[in-house]
Amino acid sequence: MTALVQRVAAATRTALNASGVNILSAGGPGSEQSVPHLRFHVVPRWVGDGISTWPSGRSAHHVTGDPGARLADALASGAARPGPSRQ
């Protein structure tokens, strides 16, 4: 899947003479996922195109403890394996 997305992204840049691409995916209702399956959006971008894909501020959600350590623990325990959408 990743190899195909990379090929589509490269073709998009070439065909549209884009200076870059954003590859976007959302997983779960907290991410504004609109269709409950894996999909990628390849969005052509140009310098000064006037759109922003990244948040300009911090999330209002507070994570307790060390987020990096929690992520490492989840990866080590196998808890981070992909599964069905929780939507």
C-alpha atoms as a PDB file:
ATOM      1  CA  MET A   1       0.000   0.000   0.000  1.00  0.00           C
ATOM      2  CA  THR A   2       2.773   2.415   0.938  1.00  0.00           C
ATOM      3  CA  ALA A   3       4.655   1.759  -2.297  1.00  0.00           C
ATOM      4  CA  LEU A   4       1.515   2.491  -4.325  1.00  0.00           C
ATOM      5  CA  VAL A   5       0.832   5.716  -2.399  1.00  0.00           C
ATOM      6  CA  GLN A   6       4.429   6.812  -3.015  1.00  0.00           C
ATOM      7  CA  ARG A   7       4.051   6.118  -6.758  1.00  0.00           C
ATOM      8  CA  VAL A   8       0.790   8.082  -6.926  1.00  0.00           C
ATOM      9  CA  ALA A   9       2.396  10.953  -4.990  1.00  0.00           C
ATOM     10  CA  ALA A  10       5.391  11.071  -7.350  1.00  0.00           C
ATOM     11  CA  ALA A  11       3.113  10.937 -10.410  1.00  0.00           C
ATOM     12  CA  THR A  12       0.965  13.718  -8.941  1.00  0.00           C
ATOM     13  CA  ARG A  13       3.984  15.974  -8.457  1.00  0.00           C
ATOM     14  CA  THR A  14       5.200  15.295 -11.989  1.00  0.00           C
ATOM     15  CA  ALA A  15       1.850  15.487 -13.800  1.00  0.00           C
ATOM     16  CA  LEU A  16       0.692  18.649 -12.024  1.00  0.00           C
ATOM     17  CA  ASN A  17       4.110  20.284 -11.634  1.00  0.00           C
ATOM     18  CA  ALA A  18       3.430  20.473  -7.903  1.00  0.00           C
ATOM     19  CA  SER A  19       6.221  21.492  -5.543  1.00  0.00           C
ATOM     20  CA  GLY A  20       5.074  18.876  -3.031  1.00  0.00           C
ATOM     21  CA  VAL A  21       2.252  16.625  -1.867  1.00  0.00           C
ATOM     22  CA  ASN A  22       0.560  15.913   1.429  1.00  0.00           C
ATOM     23  CA  ILE A  23      -0.408  12.299   2.067  1.00  0.00           C
ATOM     24  CA  LEU A  24      -3.292  12.261   4.512  1.00  0.00           C
ATOM     25  CA  SER A  25      -5.167   9.523   6.338  1.00  0.00           C
ATOM     26  CA  ALA A  26      -7.534   9.645   9.298  1.00  0.00           C
ATOM     27  CA  GLY A  27      -8.267   6.788  11.706  1.00  0.00           C
ATOM     28  CA  GLY A  28     -11.235   6.814  14.073  1.00  0.00           C
ATOM     29  CA  PRO A  29     -13.952   9.308  14.946  1.00  0.00           C
ATOM     30  CA  GLY A  30     -11.577  11.569  16.894  1.00  0.00           C
ATOM     31  CA  SER A  31      -9.698  12.276  13.663  1.00  0.00           C
ATOM     32  CA  GLU A  32     -12.757  13.324  11.638  1.00  0.00           C
ATOM     33  CA  GLN A  33     -12.614  10.049   9.694  1.00  0.00           C
ATOM     34  CA  SER A  34     -15.641  10.106   7.398  1.00  0.00           C
ATOM     35  CA  VAL A  35     -15.433   6.577   5.947  1.00  0.00           C
ATOM     36  CA  PRO A  36     -14.575   3.694   8.323  1.00  0.00           C
ATOM     37  CA  HIS A  37     -11.825   2.074   6.263  1.00  0.00           C
ATOM     38  CA  LEU A  38      -8.195   2.775   5.402  1.00  0.00           C
ATOM     39  CA  ARG A  39      -7.683   5.287   2.630  1.00  0.00           C
ATOM     40  CA  PHE A  40      -5.090   7.852   1.685  1.00  0.00           C
ATOM     41  CA  HIS A  41      -5.545  11.265   0.143  1.00  0.00           C
ATOM     42  CA  VAL A  42      -2.718  12.527  -2.059  1.00  0.00           C
ATOM     43  CA  VAL A  43      -3.051  16.313  -2.094  1.00  0.00           C
ATOM     44  CA  PRO A  44      -0.895  18.269  -4.549  1.00  0.00           C
ATOM     45  CA  ARG A  45       0.720  21.365  -3.012  1.00  0.00           C
ATOM     46  CA  TRP A  46       2.474  24.465  -4.305  1.00  0.00           C
ATOM     47  CA  VAL A  47       4.474  27.083  -2.400  1.00  0.00           C
ATOM     48  CA  GLY A  48       2.090  29.863  -1.380  1.00  0.00           C
ATOM     49  CA  ASP A  49      -1.066  27.877  -2.240  1.00  0.00           C
ATOM     50  CA  GLY A  50      -2.821  29.298   0.810  1.00  0.00           C
ATOM     51  CA  ILE A  51      -3.817  26.049   2.499  1.00  0.00           C
ATOM     52  CA  SER A  52      -2.489  24.533   5.687  1.00  0.00           C
ATOM     53  CA  THR A  53      -2.668  20.908   6.670  1.00  0.00           C
ATOM     54  CA  TRP A  54      -1.081  21.244  10.068  1.00  0.00           C
ATOM     55  CA  PRO A  55      -2.720  22.582  13.231  1.00  0.00           C
ATOM     56  CA  SER A  56      -1.513  26.030  14.177  1.00  0.00           C
ATOM     57  CA  GLY A  57      -1.902  25.470  17.920  1.00  0.00           C
ATOM     58  CA  ARG A  58      -1.828  22.777  20.552  1.00  0.00           C
ATOM     59  CA  SER A  59      -4.598  20.312  21.281  1.00  0.00           C
ATOM     60  CA  ALA A  60      -6.840  21.071  24.248  1.00  0.00           C
ATOM     61  CA  HIS A  61      -6.533  17.379  25.198  1.00  0.00           C
ATOM     62  CA  HIS A  62      -4.019  16.658  27.958  1.00  0.00           C
ATOM     63  CA  VAL A  63      -2.165  13.340  28.003  1.00  0.00           C
ATOM     64  CA  THR A  64      -1.042  12.194  31.426  1.00  0.00           C
ATOM     65  CA  GLY A  65       2.392  10.695  31.927  1.00  0.00           C
ATOM     66  CA  ASP A  66       5.112  10.516  29.283  1.00  0.00           C
ATOM     67  CA  PRO A  67       3.484  10.155  25.839  1.00  0.00           C
ATOM     68  CA  GLY A  68       6.710   8.779  24.308  1.00  0.00           C
ATOM     69  CA  ALA A  69       7.009   6.099  26.976  1.00  0.00           C
ATOM     70  CA  ARG A  70       3.320   5.195  26.619  1.00  0.00           C
ATOM     71  CA  LEU A  71       3.757   4.825  22.855  1.00  0.00           C
ATOM     72  CA  ALA A  72       6.893   2.676  23.303  1.00  0.00           C
ATOM     73  CA  ASP A  73       5.025   0.425  25.769  1.00  0.00           C
ATOM     74  CA  ALA A  74       2.066   0.021  23.370  1.00  0.00           C
ATOM     75  CA  LEU A  75       4.400  -0.889  20.502  1.00  0.00           C
ATOM     76  CA  ALA A  76       6.366  -3.341  22.633  1.00  0.00           C
ATOM     77  CA  SER A  77       3.250  -5.077  23.953  1.00  0.00           C
ATOM     78  CA  GLY A  78       1.654  -5.460  20.531  1.00  0.00           C
ATOM     79  CA  ALA A  79      -1.297  -3.296  21.585  1.00  0.00           C
ATOM     80  CA  ALA A  80      -0.722  -1.047  18.581  1.00  0.00           C
ATOM     81  CA  ARG A  81      -1.580  -3.680  15.983  1.00  0.00           C
ATOM     82  CA  PRO A  82      -4.075  -2.410  13.406  1.00  0.00           C
ATOM     83  CA  GLY A  83      -7.569  -3.731  13.685  1.00  0.00           C
ATOM     84  CA  PRO A  84     -11.091  -2.864  12.692  1.00  0.00           C
ATOM     85  CA  SER A  85     -12.116   0.772  12.881  1.00  0.00           C
ATOM     86  CA  ARG A  86     -13.522   1.832  16.224  1.00  0.00           C
ATOM     87  CA  GLN A  87     -16.132   4.042  14.651  1.00  0.00           C
END
